[in-house]
Amino acid sequence: MAKDNPPAAMPAAAPVAKFLDTRFRSRVIVFPNGDVLRVLSGEAIARSAAQIEYLDAHPDFKRVEERG
């Protein structure tokens, strides 16, 4: 008799948010844990909850709302 195996759970998607840097067109932000976030052409893509939290609190960054 074959066993019904439930489908493997998909891993939770990592948080991603796009920000505009209102002060610099390019810069590098180094986090205490060693993560590096690059601002290129005035845009930064945060790929962790810690990066998103930092940029949300920073006055130089404005979050870009994705349209769906």
N, C-alpha and C. Protein backbone atom coordinates (compact mmCIF):
# COMPACT_ATOMS: atom_id res chain seq x y z
N MET A 1 0.85 -1.17 0.00
CA MET A 1 0.00 0.00 0.00
C MET A 1 0.90 1.24 0.00
N ALA A 2 0.63 2.15 -0.89
CA ALA A 2 1.43 3.37 -1.02
C ALA A 2 1.00 4.38 0.03
N LYS A 3 1.98 5.05 0.57
CA LYS A 3 1.69 6.10 1.55
C LYS A 3 1.50 7.42 0.81
N ASP A 4 0.52 8.15 1.25
CA ASP A 4 0.33 9.50 0.70
C ASP A 4 1.23 10.45 1.45
N ASN A 5 2.20 10.98 0.74
CA ASN A 5 3.10 11.96 1.35
C ASN A 5 2.59 13.36 1.06
N PRO A 6 2.42 14.16 2.11
CA PRO A 6 1.98 15.54 1.85
C PRO A 6 3.08 16.28 1.11
N PRO A 7 2.71 17.24 0.27
CA PRO A 7 3.73 18.00 -0.45
C PRO A 7 4.62 18.75 0.54
N ALA A 8 5.88 18.86 0.18
CA ALA A 8 6.83 19.57 1.04
C ALA A 8 6.42 21.04 1.13
N ALA A 9 6.51 21.56 2.32
CA ALA A 9 6.16 22.97 2.52
C ALA A 9 7.19 23.85 1.83
N MET A 10 6.69 24.86 1.17
CA MET A 10 7.57 25.83 0.53
C MET A 10 8.22 26.68 1.63
N PRO A 11 9.51 26.95 1.51
CA PRO A 11 10.13 27.82 2.50
C PRO A 11 9.53 29.22 2.41
N ALA A 12 9.44 29.86 3.56
CA ALA A 12 8.89 31.21 3.59
C ALA A 12 9.77 32.14 2.76
N ALA A 13 9.12 32.98 1.97
CA ALA A 13 9.87 33.92 1.14
C ALA A 13 10.55 34.96 2.03
N ALA A 14 11.78 35.24 1.70
CA ALA A 14 12.51 36.27 2.45
C ALA A 14 11.89 37.63 2.15
N PRO A 15 11.84 38.49 3.15
CA PRO A 15 11.28 39.82 2.90
C PRO A 15 12.17 40.61 1.94
N VAL A 16 11.53 41.33 1.05
CA VAL A 16 12.26 42.17 0.09
C VAL A 16 11.50 43.50 -0.02
N ALA A 17 12.24 44.60 0.03
CA ALA A 17 11.62 45.91 -0.13
C ALA A 17 12.59 46.83 -0.86
N LYS A 18 12.02 47.67 -1.72
CA LYS A 18 12.82 48.61 -2.49
C LYS A 18 12.71 49.99 -1.85
N PHE A 19 13.85 50.68 -1.77
CA PHE A 19 13.91 52.01 -1.17
C PHE A 19 14.61 52.98 -2.11
N LEU A 20 14.22 54.24 -2.04
CA LEU A 20 14.91 55.32 -2.73
C LEU A 20 15.76 56.06 -1.72
N ASP A 21 17.01 56.31 -2.07
CA ASP A 21 17.91 57.08 -1.24
C ASP A 21 17.75 58.54 -1.66
N THR A 22 17.26 59.37 -0.77
CA THR A 22 16.98 60.77 -1.11
C THR A 22 18.20 61.67 -0.95
N ARG A 23 19.31 61.10 -0.49
CA ARG A 23 20.50 61.92 -0.27
C ARG A 23 21.66 61.58 -1.19
N PHE A 24 21.88 60.30 -1.45
CA PHE A 24 23.02 59.86 -2.25
C PHE A 24 22.56 59.00 -3.42
N ARG A 25 23.29 59.08 -4.53
CA ARG A 25 23.03 58.22 -5.69
C ARG A 25 23.71 56.87 -5.54
N SER A 26 24.81 56.86 -4.79
CA SER A 26 25.50 55.59 -4.51
C SER A 26 26.18 55.67 -3.15
N ARG A 27 26.10 54.58 -2.43
CA ARG A 27 26.80 54.42 -1.16
C ARG A 27 26.68 52.97 -0.74
N VAL A 28 27.44 52.61 0.27
CA VAL A 28 27.42 51.25 0.80
C VAL A 28 27.14 51.34 2.29
N ILE A 29 26.19 50.55 2.75
CA ILE A 29 25.87 50.49 4.17
C ILE A 29 26.30 49.12 4.67
N VAL A 30 27.13 49.09 5.71
CA VAL A 30 27.59 47.84 6.30
C VAL A 30 26.91 47.68 7.65
N PHE A 31 26.20 46.57 7.82
CA PHE A 31 25.48 46.30 9.06
C PHE A 31 26.39 45.60 10.07
N PRO A 32 26.05 45.67 11.36
CA PRO A 32 26.90 45.04 12.38
C PRO A 32 27.15 43.55 12.16
N ASN A 33 26.19 42.85 11.52
CA ASN A 33 26.38 41.41 11.29
C ASN A 33 27.20 41.13 10.03
N GLY A 34 27.67 42.18 9.36
CA GLY A 34 28.50 42.00 8.17
C GLY A 34 27.75 42.10 6.86
N ASP A 35 26.42 42.16 6.90
CA ASP A 35 25.65 42.33 5.67
C ASP A 35 26.01 43.66 5.03
N VAL A 36 25.99 43.68 3.71
CA VAL A 36 26.30 44.89 2.94
C VAL A 36 25.10 45.22 2.07
N LEU A 37 24.71 46.48 2.09
CA LEU A 37 23.61 46.96 1.26
C LEU A 37 24.16 48.07 0.38
N ARG A 38 24.03 47.90 -0.92
CA ARG A 38 24.55 48.89 -1.87
C ARG A 38 23.41 49.74 -2.41
N VAL A 39 23.66 51.03 -2.48
CA VAL A 39 22.74 51.96 -3.13
C VAL A 39 23.34 52.23 -4.50
N LEU A 40 22.57 51.93 -5.54
CA LEU A 40 23.00 52.16 -6.92
C LEU A 40 21.92 52.95 -7.63
N SER A 41 22.31 54.01 -8.28
CA SER A 41 21.36 54.89 -8.98
C SER A 41 20.25 55.36 -8.05
N GLY A 42 20.60 55.56 -6.79
CA GLY A 42 19.63 56.07 -5.83
C GLY A 42 18.64 55.05 -5.32
N GLU A 43 18.86 53.77 -5.61
CA GLU A 43 17.94 52.72 -5.18
C GLU A 43 18.68 51.66 -4.37
N ALA A 44 17.97 51.11 -3.38
CA ALA A 44 18.51 50.03 -2.57
C ALA A 44 17.44 48.96 -2.43
N ILE A 45 17.86 47.71 -2.48
CA ILE A 45 16.95 46.58 -2.29
C ILE A 45 17.31 45.92 -0.97
N ALA A 46 16.43 46.04 0.01
CA ALA A 46 16.64 45.41 1.32
C ALA A 46 16.13 43.98 1.23
N ARG A 47 16.95 43.02 1.67
CA ARG A 47 16.61 41.61 1.54
C ARG A 47 16.51 40.87 2.87
N SER A 48 16.44 41.61 3.96
CA SER A 48 16.24 40.97 5.26
C SER A 48 15.39 41.90 6.12
N ALA A 49 14.78 41.32 7.13
CA ALA A 49 13.94 42.11 8.03
C ALA A 49 14.76 43.20 8.72
N ALA A 50 16.01 42.90 9.08
CA ALA A 50 16.86 43.89 9.75
C ALA A 50 17.17 45.07 8.83
N GLN A 51 17.45 44.78 7.55
CA GLN A 51 17.72 45.86 6.60
C GLN A 51 16.48 46.71 6.38
N ILE A 52 15.33 46.08 6.24
CA ILE A 52 14.08 46.82 6.04
C ILE A 52 13.79 47.71 7.25
N GLU A 53 13.95 47.16 8.44
CA GLU A 53 13.70 47.93 9.66
C GLU A 53 14.63 49.15 9.73
N TYR A 54 15.90 48.94 9.40
CA TYR A 54 16.88 50.04 9.43
C TYR A 54 16.51 51.13 8.43
N LEU A 55 16.21 50.74 7.20
CA LEU A 55 15.91 51.74 6.17
C LEU A 55 14.59 52.44 6.43
N ASP A 56 13.60 51.73 6.98
CA ASP A 56 12.33 52.37 7.33
C ASP A 56 12.55 53.47 8.37
N ALA A 57 13.50 53.27 9.28
CA ALA A 57 13.75 54.24 10.35
C ALA A 57 14.71 55.36 9.93
N HIS A 58 15.41 55.19 8.81
CA HIS A 58 16.43 56.15 8.39
C HIS A 58 15.77 57.28 7.59
N PRO A 59 16.04 58.54 7.94
CA PRO A 59 15.37 59.66 7.26
C PRO A 59 15.77 59.83 5.79
N ASP A 60 16.89 59.27 5.36
CA ASP A 60 17.33 59.42 3.96
C ASP A 60 16.64 58.45 3.00
N PHE A 61 15.92 57.48 3.53
CA PHE A 61 15.34 56.44 2.67
C PHE A 61 13.82 56.48 2.70
N LYS A 62 13.24 56.32 1.52
CA LYS A 62 11.79 56.25 1.36
C LYS A 62 11.44 54.93 0.69
N ARG A 63 10.55 54.17 1.31
CA ARG A 63 10.16 52.89 0.74
C ARG A 63 9.31 53.09 -0.51
N VAL A 64 9.58 52.29 -1.53
CA VAL A 64 8.81 52.32 -2.77
C VAL A 64 7.78 51.21 -2.68
N GLU A 65 6.52 51.57 -2.75
CA GLU A 65 5.45 50.58 -2.70
C GLU A 65 5.33 49.90 -4.06
N GLU A 66 5.40 48.58 -4.04
CA GLU A 66 5.27 47.81 -5.29
C GLU A 66 3.81 47.77 -5.69
N ARG A 67 3.57 47.97 -6.95
CA ARG A 67 2.20 47.90 -7.48
C ARG A 67 1.96 46.50 -8.00
N GLY A 68 0.83 45.94 -7.64
CA GLY A 68 0.56 44.57 -8.04
C GLY A 68 -0.59 44.42 -8.86
